[in-house]
Amino acid sequence: MYDFAYHRPKSVADAIGLLKSKPEARAMSGGMTLIPTLKQRLARPSDVVDLGGVKELAGIKVEGNNVVVGGMTRHADVASSAEVKAAIPALAYLAGHIGDPQVRNRGTIGGSVANNDPAADYPGAVLALNATVSTNTRKIAADDFFKGLFETALGEGELITGISFPKAEKAAYVKFPNPASRYAMVGVFVAKTASGVRVAVTGAGATVFRVKAMEEALAKNFSSAAIKDIKIPADGLNSDIHGSAEYRAHLVGVMARRAVDAANK
């Protein structure tokens, strides 16, 4: 690990000020990605700005037809939240199956979404539920947020302050986890909300993506039978020692059908 200066600000304004004044600074939420990266000397920030002391960034509240989750809210808190369980049970379920207990008690929703790991779980929920990502400067629609491998619409000195999830009429998340890391080799989040049906896939590609053919079929008939014949092209999907692109393409269909069945229970 390279040497760096450590800061623990108490407010969003102080955190932003530090990030803007230190060109090589990195923000840290739960540290589940940054700390291992530092240990392996794959990152060399001049300063680490720990957001753990910014209390205003954590918490869950219901605002009208939306559940708003603060950026520094831990996975474990989303999983156990009565508000989330009542409004969007699938989101609580997803949070409760991220990594292991140690990760769930340290990792945060804002850190996960900002990092945009291709196999992370939360991006599937954000995209499928058509959530809105709020930062210290603006609001970003889910369809505009995820740009590519570890890439998002966030700019320099921009922090996720909260994510607003619309309540779902029906929703479910099913993933095929890597047995060691518990990251999704393929995860599918299916959601039916007031604005329509959306199907988001994580783990299969460089970044989370929607399957429009499935969405159109489910909008007419929300059943697993409606999508059983839809094939996902393997072109551009991830291929590694854990599974080929063709295998992941097959899993998308399997996980999607299971998710629809779970949402209909």
Protein backbone atom coordinates (compact mmCIF):
# COMPACT_ATOMS: atom_id res chain seq x y z
CA MET A 1 0.00 0.00 0.00
CA TYR A 2 1.34 3.41 -0.96
CA ASP A 3 1.36 6.31 1.48
CA PHE A 4 -1.65 8.67 1.45
CA ALA A 5 -3.28 11.35 3.60
CA TYR A 6 -6.48 10.30 5.37
CA HIS A 7 -9.47 12.61 5.90
CA ARG A 8 -12.81 12.00 7.62
CA PRO A 9 -15.10 14.97 6.89
CA LYS A 10 -18.38 15.51 8.75
CA SER A 11 -20.44 17.05 5.94
CA VAL A 12 -21.01 16.68 2.21
CA ALA A 13 -19.69 20.19 1.66
CA ASP A 14 -16.43 19.40 3.47
CA ALA A 15 -16.04 16.15 1.53
CA ILE A 16 -16.57 17.89 -1.81
CA GLY A 17 -14.14 20.62 -0.79
CA LEU A 18 -11.44 18.05 -0.05
CA LEU A 19 -12.01 16.16 -3.30
CA LYS A 20 -11.83 19.35 -5.35
CA SER A 21 -8.75 20.68 -3.59
CA LYS A 22 -6.81 17.41 -3.91
CA PRO A 23 -6.65 16.40 -7.60
CA GLU A 24 -5.48 12.86 -6.80
CA ALA A 25 -7.93 12.28 -3.92
CA ARG A 26 -10.35 9.36 -3.83
CA ALA A 27 -13.63 9.16 -1.93
CA MET A 28 -14.22 6.03 0.16
CA SER A 29 -17.61 4.81 1.33
CA GLY A 30 -17.53 1.27 2.73
CA GLY A 31 -14.08 0.57 1.31
CA MET A 32 -15.00 -2.86 -0.02
CA THR A 33 -13.32 -2.15 -3.36
CA LEU A 34 -10.92 0.67 -2.60
CA ILE A 35 -9.10 -0.94 0.34
CA PRO A 36 -8.22 -4.19 -1.50
CA THR A 37 -7.15 -2.07 -4.47
CA LEU A 38 -4.87 -0.02 -2.24
CA LYS A 39 -3.41 -3.14 -0.64
CA GLN A 40 -2.57 -4.55 -4.07
CA ARG A 41 -0.99 -1.23 -5.06
CA LEU A 42 -3.36 -0.90 -8.00
CA ALA A 43 -4.33 2.62 -6.92
CA ARG A 44 -2.18 5.46 -5.60
CA PRO A 45 -4.38 8.34 -4.40
CA SER A 46 -2.72 11.27 -2.68
CA ASP A 47 -5.63 11.48 -0.24
CA VAL A 48 -8.45 9.20 0.87
CA VAL A 49 -11.65 11.00 1.86
CA ASP A 50 -13.61 8.68 4.15
CA LEU A 51 -17.36 9.41 3.91
CA GLY A 52 -18.15 7.34 6.99
CA GLY A 53 -18.44 10.44 9.15
CA VAL A 54 -21.00 12.15 6.91
CA LYS A 55 -24.16 11.14 8.78
CA GLU A 56 -26.49 13.03 6.43
CA LEU A 57 -25.70 10.53 3.66
CA ALA A 58 -27.13 7.49 5.48
CA GLY A 59 -30.74 6.52 6.07
CA ILE A 60 -33.93 5.28 4.44
CA LYS A 61 -37.21 7.14 4.07
CA VAL A 62 -40.44 6.90 2.11
CA GLU A 63 -41.40 9.94 0.04
CA GLY A 64 -44.76 9.50 -1.64
CA ASN A 65 -44.49 6.58 -4.05
CA ASN A 66 -40.73 6.28 -3.67
CA VAL A 67 -38.25 4.75 -1.26
CA VAL A 68 -35.18 6.95 -0.90
CA VAL A 69 -31.97 5.30 0.26
CA GLY A 70 -29.04 7.47 1.31
CA GLY A 71 -25.77 6.86 -0.47
CA MET A 72 -23.92 5.76 2.69
CA THR A 73 -26.64 3.31 3.76
CA ARG A 74 -25.15 -0.13 4.34
CA HIS A 75 -26.40 -3.23 2.54
CA ALA A 76 -27.39 -4.78 5.87
CA ASP A 77 -29.58 -1.80 6.69
CA VAL A 78 -31.38 -1.98 3.33
CA ALA A 79 -31.92 -5.72 3.83
CA SER A 80 -33.44 -5.28 7.29
CA SER A 81 -35.42 -2.07 6.62
CA ALA A 82 -39.14 -2.38 7.34
CA GLU A 83 -39.82 0.40 4.84
CA VAL A 84 -37.96 -1.37 2.04
CA LYS A 85 -39.49 -4.75 2.86
CA ALA A 86 -42.99 -3.26 2.73
CA ALA A 87 -42.55 -1.22 -0.46
CA ILE A 88 -40.00 -3.18 -2.52
CA PRO A 89 -39.33 -6.62 -0.99
CA ALA A 90 -37.13 -7.54 -3.95
CA LEU A 91 -34.71 -4.73 -3.10
CA ALA A 92 -34.41 -5.93 0.50
CA TYR A 93 -33.84 -9.47 -0.77
CA LEU A 94 -31.11 -8.30 -3.15
CA ALA A 95 -29.31 -6.39 -0.40
CA GLY A 96 -29.48 -9.40 1.90
CA HIS A 97 -27.67 -11.58 -0.65
CA ILE A 98 -24.73 -9.31 -1.45
CA GLY A 99 -21.40 -10.92 -0.60
CA ASP A 100 -21.16 -12.17 2.99
CA PRO A 101 -22.13 -10.66 6.38
CA GLN A 102 -18.85 -8.77 6.63
CA VAL A 103 -19.41 -7.12 3.25
CA ARG A 104 -23.07 -6.37 3.99
CA ASN A 105 -22.16 -4.65 7.24
CA ARG A 106 -19.50 -2.44 5.65
CA GLY A 107 -20.47 -1.96 2.01
CA THR A 108 -22.82 0.86 0.99
CA ILE A 109 -25.34 1.29 -1.80
CA GLY A 110 -23.73 4.51 -3.04
CA GLY A 111 -20.29 2.95 -3.18
CA SER A 112 -21.57 -0.06 -5.10
CA VAL A 113 -23.52 1.97 -7.64
CA ALA A 114 -20.73 4.51 -8.12
CA ASN A 115 -18.16 1.73 -8.64
CA ASN A 116 -20.41 -0.03 -11.19
CA ASP A 117 -18.66 -3.37 -11.02
CA PRO A 118 -20.05 -5.45 -13.93
CA ALA A 119 -21.06 -8.21 -11.51
CA ALA A 120 -22.52 -6.02 -8.75
CA ASP A 121 -26.14 -6.53 -7.70
CA TYR A 122 -27.45 -3.01 -7.03
CA PRO A 123 -27.11 -1.72 -10.62
CA GLY A 124 -29.73 -4.28 -11.64
CA ALA A 125 -32.20 -2.86 -9.13
CA VAL A 126 -31.44 0.74 -10.10
CA LEU A 127 -32.00 0.07 -13.79
CA ALA A 128 -34.99 -2.29 -13.49
CA LEU A 129 -36.86 -0.06 -11.05
CA ASN A 130 -36.06 3.04 -13.12
CA ALA A 131 -34.55 4.69 -10.06
CA THR A 132 -33.18 8.22 -9.88
CA VAL A 133 -29.64 8.77 -8.62
CA SER A 134 -29.21 12.03 -6.70
CA THR A 135 -25.80 13.64 -6.33
CA ASN A 136 -24.56 16.80 -4.65
CA THR A 137 -25.25 18.67 -7.89
CA ARG A 138 -28.06 16.97 -9.86
CA LYS A 139 -30.44 14.06 -10.41
CA ILE A 140 -29.57 11.34 -12.94
CA ALA A 141 -32.05 8.90 -14.48
CA ALA A 142 -31.08 5.22 -14.30
CA ASP A 143 -30.92 4.88 -18.10
CA ASP A 144 -28.36 7.70 -18.22
CA PHE A 145 -26.21 6.64 -15.27
CA PHE A 146 -24.39 3.43 -16.23
CA LYS A 147 -21.96 4.05 -19.08
CA GLY A 148 -19.63 1.04 -19.31
CA LEU A 149 -17.12 -1.10 -17.45
CA PHE A 150 -16.61 0.62 -14.06
CA GLU A 151 -17.88 3.80 -15.73
CA THR A 152 -20.82 6.00 -14.75
CA ALA A 153 -22.14 9.49 -15.45
CA LEU A 154 -20.55 10.84 -12.24
CA GLY A 155 -18.18 13.72 -12.77
CA GLU A 156 -15.13 14.84 -10.82
CA GLY A 157 -16.03 15.77 -7.25
CA GLU A 158 -19.57 14.40 -7.61
CA LEU A 159 -20.94 12.13 -4.89
CA ILE A 160 -24.09 10.01 -4.73
CA THR A 161 -26.22 11.43 -1.94
CA GLY A 162 -29.21 9.12 -2.40
CA ILE A 163 -31.15 6.85 -4.74
CA SER A 164 -34.92 7.09 -5.16
CA PHE A 165 -36.65 3.81 -6.04
CA PRO A 166 -40.29 3.83 -7.22
CA LYS A 167 -42.49 1.31 -5.44
CA ALA A 168 -43.12 -1.80 -7.51
CA GLU A 169 -46.36 -3.63 -8.22
CA LYS A 170 -44.29 -6.77 -8.77
CA ALA A 171 -40.54 -7.28 -8.64
CA ALA A 172 -37.93 -9.95 -8.03
CA TYR A 173 -34.21 -10.47 -8.31
CA VAL A 174 -32.59 -13.84 -9.02
CA LYS A 175 -28.88 -14.42 -9.54
CA PHE A 176 -26.49 -17.25 -10.30
CA PRO A 177 -23.67 -16.40 -7.87
CA ASN A 178 -20.03 -17.22 -8.16
CA PRO A 179 -19.62 -19.74 -5.31
CA ALA A 180 -16.45 -18.05 -4.01
CA SER A 181 -17.13 -14.32 -4.29
CA ARG A 182 -20.95 -14.42 -4.40
CA TYR A 183 -20.80 -11.85 -7.18
CA ALA A 184 -23.40 -12.42 -9.85
CA MET A 185 -22.20 -14.46 -12.79
CA VAL A 186 -25.64 -13.48 -14.06
CA GLY A 187 -28.34 -11.67 -12.15
CA VAL A 188 -31.74 -10.58 -13.46
CA PHE A 189 -34.00 -8.01 -11.81
CA VAL A 190 -37.55 -7.91 -13.17
CA ALA A 191 -39.89 -5.10 -12.14
CA LYS A 192 -43.42 -4.04 -12.96
CA THR A 193 -44.10 -0.48 -11.84
CA ALA A 194 -46.57 2.25 -12.70
CA SER A 195 -44.33 3.22 -15.63
CA GLY A 196 -44.19 -0.28 -17.13
CA VAL A 197 -42.09 -3.44 -17.12
CA ARG A 198 -38.30 -3.43 -17.08
CA VAL A 199 -35.78 -6.26 -17.12
CA ALA A 200 -32.18 -5.53 -16.08
CA VAL A 201 -29.25 -7.94 -16.32
CA THR A 202 -26.04 -7.72 -14.31
CA GLY A 203 -22.95 -9.94 -14.37
CA ALA A 204 -23.36 -10.95 -18.00
CA GLY A 205 -21.84 -7.94 -19.75
CA ALA A 206 -19.40 -5.10 -19.23
CA THR A 207 -22.14 -3.18 -17.46
CA VAL A 208 -25.77 -3.67 -16.49
CA PHE A 209 -28.21 -3.66 -19.41
CA ARG A 210 -31.90 -3.98 -20.24
CA VAL A 211 -33.54 -6.68 -22.36
CA LYS A 212 -36.18 -4.87 -24.40
CA ALA A 213 -37.58 -8.04 -26.03
CA MET A 214 -38.41 -9.46 -22.62
CA GLU A 215 -39.89 -6.18 -21.45
CA GLU A 216 -42.23 -6.03 -24.44
CA ALA A 217 -43.33 -9.64 -23.98
CA LEU A 218 -43.91 -9.25 -20.24
CA ALA A 219 -45.87 -6.03 -20.74
CA LYS A 220 -48.44 -8.11 -22.64
CA ASN A 221 -48.28 -11.19 -20.43
CA PHE A 222 -46.37 -11.06 -17.16
CA SER A 223 -45.48 -14.74 -16.97
CA SER A 224 -42.34 -16.79 -17.46
CA ALA A 225 -44.02 -18.54 -20.40
CA ALA A 226 -44.07 -15.23 -22.28
CA ILE A 227 -40.26 -15.07 -22.42
CA LYS A 228 -39.31 -18.75 -22.63
CA ASP A 229 -38.47 -18.55 -26.35
CA ILE A 230 -36.48 -15.30 -26.20
CA LYS A 231 -32.81 -15.94 -26.88
CA ILE A 232 -30.05 -13.63 -25.70
CA PRO A 233 -27.14 -13.13 -28.14
CA ALA A 234 -23.75 -14.09 -26.70
CA ASP A 235 -21.92 -11.40 -28.67
CA GLY A 236 -20.26 -8.93 -26.31
CA LEU A 237 -21.03 -10.84 -23.12
CA ASN A 238 -18.39 -11.67 -20.53
CA SER A 239 -16.35 -14.83 -20.99
CA ASP A 240 -13.87 -16.03 -18.36
CA ILE A 241 -12.77 -19.07 -16.36
CA HIS A 242 -16.11 -19.10 -14.57
CA GLY A 243 -18.32 -19.22 -17.65
CA SER A 244 -18.34 -18.56 -21.37
CA ALA A 245 -20.36 -15.85 -23.08
CA GLU A 246 -22.69 -18.54 -24.44
CA TYR A 247 -23.22 -19.96 -20.95
CA ARG A 248 -24.02 -16.51 -19.57
CA ALA A 249 -26.45 -15.86 -22.43
CA HIS A 250 -28.26 -19.07 -21.51
CA LEU A 251 -28.30 -18.09 -17.83
CA VAL A 252 -29.95 -14.75 -18.61
CA GLY A 253 -33.00 -16.59 -19.90
CA VAL A 254 -33.07 -19.01 -16.99
CA MET A 255 -32.65 -16.32 -14.32
CA ALA A 256 -35.22 -14.07 -16.01
CA ARG A 257 -37.87 -16.79 -15.99
CA ARG A 258 -37.14 -17.57 -12.36
CA ALA A 259 -37.36 -13.89 -11.49
CA VAL A 260 -40.77 -13.55 -13.14
CA ASP A 261 -42.03 -16.64 -11.32
CA ALA A 262 -40.74 -15.21 -8.02
CA ALA A 263 -42.38 -11.86 -8.69
CA ASN A 264 -45.74 -13.58 -9.30
CA LYS A 265 -45.73 -15.42 -5.97
